N, C-alpha and C. Protein backbone atom coordinates (compact mmCIF):
# COMPACT_ATOMS: atom_id res chain seq x y z
N UNK A 1 55.45 -13.20 -30.70
CA UNK A 1 54.20 -13.08 -31.42
C UNK A 1 54.52 -12.87 -32.90
N UNK A 2 54.05 -13.76 -33.69
CA UNK A 2 54.34 -13.75 -35.12
C UNK A 2 53.04 -13.48 -35.90
N UNK A 3 53.12 -12.63 -36.92
CA UNK A 3 51.97 -12.35 -37.77
C UNK A 3 52.11 -13.19 -39.03
N UNK A 4 51.07 -13.96 -39.31
CA UNK A 4 51.14 -14.86 -40.45
C UNK A 4 50.81 -14.14 -41.76
N UNK A 5 51.11 -14.80 -42.84
CA UNK A 5 50.86 -14.23 -44.17
C UNK A 5 49.36 -14.03 -44.41
N UNK A 6 48.54 -14.93 -43.91
CA UNK A 6 47.09 -14.78 -44.10
C UNK A 6 46.55 -13.58 -43.32
N UNK A 7 47.12 -13.30 -42.16
CA UNK A 7 46.71 -12.11 -41.40
C UNK A 7 47.11 -10.84 -42.14
N UNK A 8 48.31 -10.83 -42.73
CA UNK A 8 48.76 -9.68 -43.52
C UNK A 8 47.85 -9.49 -44.73
N UNK A 9 47.49 -10.58 -45.37
CA UNK A 9 46.62 -10.52 -46.54
C UNK A 9 45.23 -9.99 -46.14
N UNK A 10 44.71 -10.47 -45.03
CA UNK A 10 43.41 -9.99 -44.55
C UNK A 10 43.47 -8.50 -44.24
N UNK A 11 44.54 -8.08 -43.62
CA UNK A 11 44.71 -6.66 -43.30
C UNK A 11 44.79 -5.82 -44.58
N UNK A 12 45.53 -6.28 -45.57
CA UNK A 12 45.66 -5.55 -46.83
C UNK A 12 44.32 -5.45 -47.54
N UNK A 13 43.56 -6.53 -47.55
CA UNK A 13 42.24 -6.51 -48.19
C UNK A 13 41.33 -5.52 -47.48
N UNK A 14 41.36 -5.47 -46.17
CA UNK A 14 40.53 -4.53 -45.40
C UNK A 14 40.92 -3.09 -45.72
N UNK A 15 42.20 -2.80 -45.77
CA UNK A 15 42.66 -1.43 -46.06
C UNK A 15 42.26 -1.03 -47.47
N UNK A 16 42.42 -1.94 -48.43
CA UNK A 16 42.04 -1.63 -49.81
C UNK A 16 40.52 -1.40 -49.89
N UNK A 17 39.75 -2.20 -49.18
CA UNK A 17 38.30 -2.01 -49.15
C UNK A 17 37.90 -0.66 -48.58
N UNK A 18 38.55 -0.25 -47.50
CA UNK A 18 38.28 1.07 -46.92
C UNK A 18 38.66 2.19 -47.88
N UNK A 19 39.79 2.02 -48.56
CA UNK A 19 40.24 3.03 -49.52
C UNK A 19 39.24 3.17 -50.67
N UNK A 20 38.78 2.04 -51.21
CA UNK A 20 37.79 2.11 -52.29
C UNK A 20 36.47 2.70 -51.80
N UNK A 21 36.07 2.40 -50.60
CA UNK A 21 34.87 3.00 -50.03
C UNK A 21 34.99 4.50 -49.91
N UNK A 22 36.13 4.95 -49.44
CA UNK A 22 36.37 6.39 -49.30
C UNK A 22 36.41 7.07 -50.66
N UNK A 23 37.05 6.46 -51.63
CA UNK A 23 37.14 7.03 -52.97
C UNK A 23 35.78 7.09 -53.67
N UNK A 24 34.91 6.13 -53.38
CA UNK A 24 33.60 6.14 -54.02
C UNK A 24 32.74 7.31 -53.54
N UNK A 25 33.00 7.81 -52.35
CA UNK A 25 32.25 8.95 -51.82
C UNK A 25 32.87 10.28 -52.24
N UNK A 26 34.05 10.25 -52.79
CA UNK A 26 34.75 11.47 -53.20
C UNK A 26 33.93 12.16 -54.28
N UNK A 27 33.69 13.44 -54.13
CA UNK A 27 32.94 14.19 -55.13
C UNK A 27 31.44 14.15 -54.96
N UNK A 28 30.95 13.45 -53.96
CA UNK A 28 29.52 13.42 -53.70
C UNK A 28 29.15 14.52 -52.73
N UNK A 29 27.96 15.01 -52.89
CA UNK A 29 27.46 16.03 -51.97
C UNK A 29 26.98 15.39 -50.68
N UNK A 30 27.05 16.14 -49.58
CA UNK A 30 26.45 15.64 -48.33
C UNK A 30 24.94 15.44 -48.53
N UNK A 31 24.35 14.60 -47.71
CA UNK A 31 22.93 14.24 -47.85
C UNK A 31 22.03 15.47 -47.86
N UNK A 32 22.27 16.40 -46.96
CA UNK A 32 21.43 17.60 -46.88
C UNK A 32 21.49 18.40 -48.17
N UNK A 33 22.70 18.54 -48.72
CA UNK A 33 22.87 19.29 -49.96
C UNK A 33 22.18 18.56 -51.13
N UNK A 34 22.25 17.23 -51.15
CA UNK A 34 21.58 16.47 -52.22
C UNK A 34 20.06 16.66 -52.14
N UNK A 35 19.53 16.73 -50.91
CA UNK A 35 18.09 16.96 -50.74
C UNK A 35 17.69 18.33 -51.27
N UNK A 36 18.50 19.34 -50.96
CA UNK A 36 18.22 20.69 -51.47
C UNK A 36 18.32 20.72 -52.99
N UNK A 37 19.31 20.04 -53.55
CA UNK A 37 19.49 20.01 -55.00
C UNK A 37 18.27 19.39 -55.66
N UNK A 38 17.72 18.35 -55.06
CA UNK A 38 16.54 17.69 -55.61
C UNK A 38 15.35 18.66 -55.59
N UNK A 39 15.21 19.43 -54.50
CA UNK A 39 14.09 20.37 -54.40
C UNK A 39 14.24 21.53 -55.39
N UNK A 40 15.46 22.05 -55.50
CA UNK A 40 15.71 23.23 -56.33
C UNK A 40 15.75 22.86 -57.81
N UNK A 41 16.45 21.80 -58.11
CA UNK A 41 16.61 21.39 -59.50
C UNK A 41 17.92 21.93 -60.07
N UNK A 42 18.67 21.03 -60.64
CA UNK A 42 19.97 21.40 -61.22
C UNK A 42 19.80 22.39 -62.37
N UNK A 43 18.68 22.30 -63.08
CA UNK A 43 18.44 23.20 -64.21
C UNK A 43 18.33 24.66 -63.78
N UNK A 44 17.73 24.92 -62.61
CA UNK A 44 17.65 26.30 -62.10
C UNK A 44 19.04 26.86 -61.82
N UNK A 45 19.86 26.04 -61.20
CA UNK A 45 21.22 26.48 -60.86
C UNK A 45 22.02 26.72 -62.12
N UNK A 46 21.91 25.82 -63.08
CA UNK A 46 22.63 25.95 -64.34
C UNK A 46 22.20 27.21 -65.08
N UNK A 47 20.93 27.49 -65.08
CA UNK A 47 20.42 28.70 -65.73
C UNK A 47 20.99 29.96 -65.08
N UNK A 48 21.03 29.98 -63.76
CA UNK A 48 21.59 31.15 -63.05
C UNK A 48 23.08 31.31 -63.34
N UNK A 49 23.80 30.20 -63.44
CA UNK A 49 25.24 30.27 -63.76
C UNK A 49 25.43 30.83 -65.17
N UNK A 50 24.62 30.37 -66.11
CA UNK A 50 24.73 30.85 -67.49
C UNK A 50 24.42 32.34 -67.58
N UNK A 51 23.44 32.81 -66.83
CA UNK A 51 23.10 34.23 -66.83
C UNK A 51 24.24 35.07 -66.26
N UNK A 52 24.93 34.54 -65.26
CA UNK A 52 26.03 35.29 -64.64
C UNK A 52 27.22 35.42 -65.57
N UNK A 53 27.34 34.52 -66.54
CA UNK A 53 28.46 34.59 -67.48
C UNK A 53 28.39 35.84 -68.36
N UNK A 54 27.22 36.45 -68.42
CA UNK A 54 27.06 37.68 -69.22
C UNK A 54 27.77 38.87 -68.59
N UNK A 55 28.04 38.82 -67.29
CA UNK A 55 28.73 39.92 -66.60
C UNK A 55 30.23 39.76 -66.79
N UNK A 56 30.74 40.32 -67.85
CA UNK A 56 32.17 40.17 -68.18
C UNK A 56 33.08 40.95 -67.24
N UNK A 57 32.57 42.04 -66.65
CA UNK A 57 33.42 42.90 -65.83
C UNK A 57 33.53 42.44 -64.37
N UNK A 58 32.85 41.35 -63.99
CA UNK A 58 32.90 40.87 -62.61
C UNK A 58 33.93 39.75 -62.46
N UNK A 59 34.46 39.64 -61.25
CA UNK A 59 35.37 38.53 -60.95
C UNK A 59 34.55 37.26 -60.73
N UNK A 60 35.22 36.13 -60.65
CA UNK A 60 34.53 34.86 -60.44
C UNK A 60 33.77 34.85 -59.11
N UNK A 61 34.37 35.42 -58.08
CA UNK A 61 33.71 35.47 -56.76
C UNK A 61 32.46 36.36 -56.82
N UNK A 62 32.56 37.46 -57.53
CA UNK A 62 31.41 38.36 -57.66
C UNK A 62 30.29 37.70 -58.47
N UNK A 63 30.66 36.96 -59.50
CA UNK A 63 29.66 36.24 -60.29
C UNK A 63 28.96 35.19 -59.43
N UNK A 64 29.73 34.46 -58.63
CA UNK A 64 29.15 33.44 -57.77
C UNK A 64 28.17 34.08 -56.79
N UNK A 65 28.56 35.23 -56.23
CA UNK A 65 27.67 35.94 -55.30
C UNK A 65 26.38 36.36 -56.00
N UNK A 66 26.49 36.82 -57.24
CA UNK A 66 25.29 37.19 -58.01
C UNK A 66 24.39 35.98 -58.26
N UNK A 67 25.01 34.84 -58.59
CA UNK A 67 24.26 33.62 -58.84
C UNK A 67 23.50 33.21 -57.58
N UNK A 68 24.19 33.20 -56.45
CA UNK A 68 23.56 32.81 -55.18
C UNK A 68 22.41 33.75 -54.83
N UNK A 69 22.66 35.04 -55.01
CA UNK A 69 21.62 36.04 -54.72
C UNK A 69 20.40 35.84 -55.62
N UNK A 70 20.63 35.64 -56.90
CA UNK A 70 19.52 35.43 -57.85
C UNK A 70 18.77 34.15 -57.53
N UNK A 71 19.51 33.11 -57.20
CA UNK A 71 18.87 31.84 -56.86
C UNK A 71 18.00 31.96 -55.61
N UNK A 72 18.51 32.67 -54.61
CA UNK A 72 17.72 32.83 -53.38
C UNK A 72 16.39 33.52 -53.68
N UNK A 73 16.44 34.57 -54.51
CA UNK A 73 15.20 35.27 -54.86
C UNK A 73 14.26 34.35 -55.64
N UNK A 74 14.80 33.66 -56.64
CA UNK A 74 13.99 32.79 -57.48
C UNK A 74 13.34 31.66 -56.68
N UNK A 75 14.12 31.04 -55.82
CA UNK A 75 13.62 29.91 -55.03
C UNK A 75 12.54 30.37 -54.06
N UNK A 76 12.75 31.54 -53.46
CA UNK A 76 11.73 32.07 -52.55
C UNK A 76 10.43 32.36 -53.29
N UNK A 77 10.54 32.97 -54.49
CA UNK A 77 9.35 33.33 -55.26
C UNK A 77 8.64 32.10 -55.81
N UNK A 78 9.41 31.17 -56.40
CA UNK A 78 8.80 30.03 -57.08
C UNK A 78 8.43 28.89 -56.15
N UNK A 79 9.27 28.62 -55.16
CA UNK A 79 9.05 27.46 -54.30
C UNK A 79 8.65 27.81 -52.87
N UNK A 80 8.84 29.07 -52.49
CA UNK A 80 8.52 29.48 -51.14
C UNK A 80 9.49 28.94 -50.10
N UNK A 81 10.69 28.59 -50.52
CA UNK A 81 11.71 28.05 -49.62
C UNK A 81 12.81 29.06 -49.37
N UNK A 82 13.39 29.01 -48.18
CA UNK A 82 14.56 29.82 -47.86
C UNK A 82 15.74 28.87 -47.73
N UNK A 83 16.66 28.98 -48.66
CA UNK A 83 17.82 28.09 -48.68
C UNK A 83 19.00 28.81 -48.05
N UNK A 84 19.72 28.15 -47.14
CA UNK A 84 20.91 28.78 -46.55
C UNK A 84 21.95 29.13 -47.63
N UNK A 85 22.59 30.25 -47.46
CA UNK A 85 23.59 30.70 -48.42
C UNK A 85 24.72 29.69 -48.57
N UNK A 86 25.12 29.07 -47.48
CA UNK A 86 26.21 28.10 -47.54
C UNK A 86 25.84 26.91 -48.44
N UNK A 87 24.59 26.46 -48.36
CA UNK A 87 24.13 25.35 -49.20
C UNK A 87 24.12 25.78 -50.66
N UNK A 88 23.63 26.99 -50.93
CA UNK A 88 23.59 27.46 -52.31
C UNK A 88 25.00 27.61 -52.88
N UNK A 89 25.93 28.12 -52.08
CA UNK A 89 27.31 28.22 -52.55
C UNK A 89 27.86 26.85 -52.93
N UNK A 90 27.59 25.86 -52.08
CA UNK A 90 28.05 24.51 -52.34
C UNK A 90 27.42 23.94 -53.61
N UNK A 91 26.12 24.14 -53.78
CA UNK A 91 25.43 23.62 -54.95
C UNK A 91 25.89 24.30 -56.24
N UNK A 92 26.08 25.61 -56.17
CA UNK A 92 26.56 26.35 -57.35
C UNK A 92 27.94 25.83 -57.75
N UNK A 93 28.81 25.66 -56.79
CA UNK A 93 30.16 25.15 -57.09
C UNK A 93 30.09 23.73 -57.64
N UNK A 94 29.22 22.89 -57.08
CA UNK A 94 29.08 21.51 -57.53
C UNK A 94 28.61 21.46 -58.98
N UNK A 95 27.58 22.23 -59.32
CA UNK A 95 27.05 22.24 -60.69
C UNK A 95 28.09 22.84 -61.63
N UNK A 96 28.77 23.89 -61.22
CA UNK A 96 29.79 24.52 -62.07
C UNK A 96 30.93 23.54 -62.37
N UNK A 97 31.35 22.78 -61.38
CA UNK A 97 32.42 21.81 -61.59
C UNK A 97 31.98 20.71 -62.55
N UNK A 98 30.71 20.33 -62.51
CA UNK A 98 30.20 19.34 -63.46
C UNK A 98 30.26 19.89 -64.88
N UNK A 99 29.97 21.19 -65.04
CA UNK A 99 30.02 21.83 -66.35
C UNK A 99 31.45 21.83 -66.87
N UNK A 100 32.38 22.16 -66.00
CA UNK A 100 33.78 22.26 -66.41
C UNK A 100 34.34 20.92 -66.87
N UNK A 101 33.86 19.82 -66.33
CA UNK A 101 34.34 18.50 -66.73
C UNK A 101 33.88 18.23 -68.11
């Protein structure tokens, strides 16, 4: 059984296509998180992150916890929604990474 050059070429094109497809999704949020981000608004998250920067004596993890806690309160009061903590942690990290770039 011999593999021809055209079969190798077809295989290489398929692998490269899969690789580019995978790379295009890199850095994107899962669908559920994107839906929450649309409801909450990136500006709310950014505002909470900026407010947490005022706490100079806290570690990064403590600041993130404060941001998530403040966001949960704000979202409940303004939108009447209860957002899971895991989603908020993901969104805060996503927005923060965009700022750092």
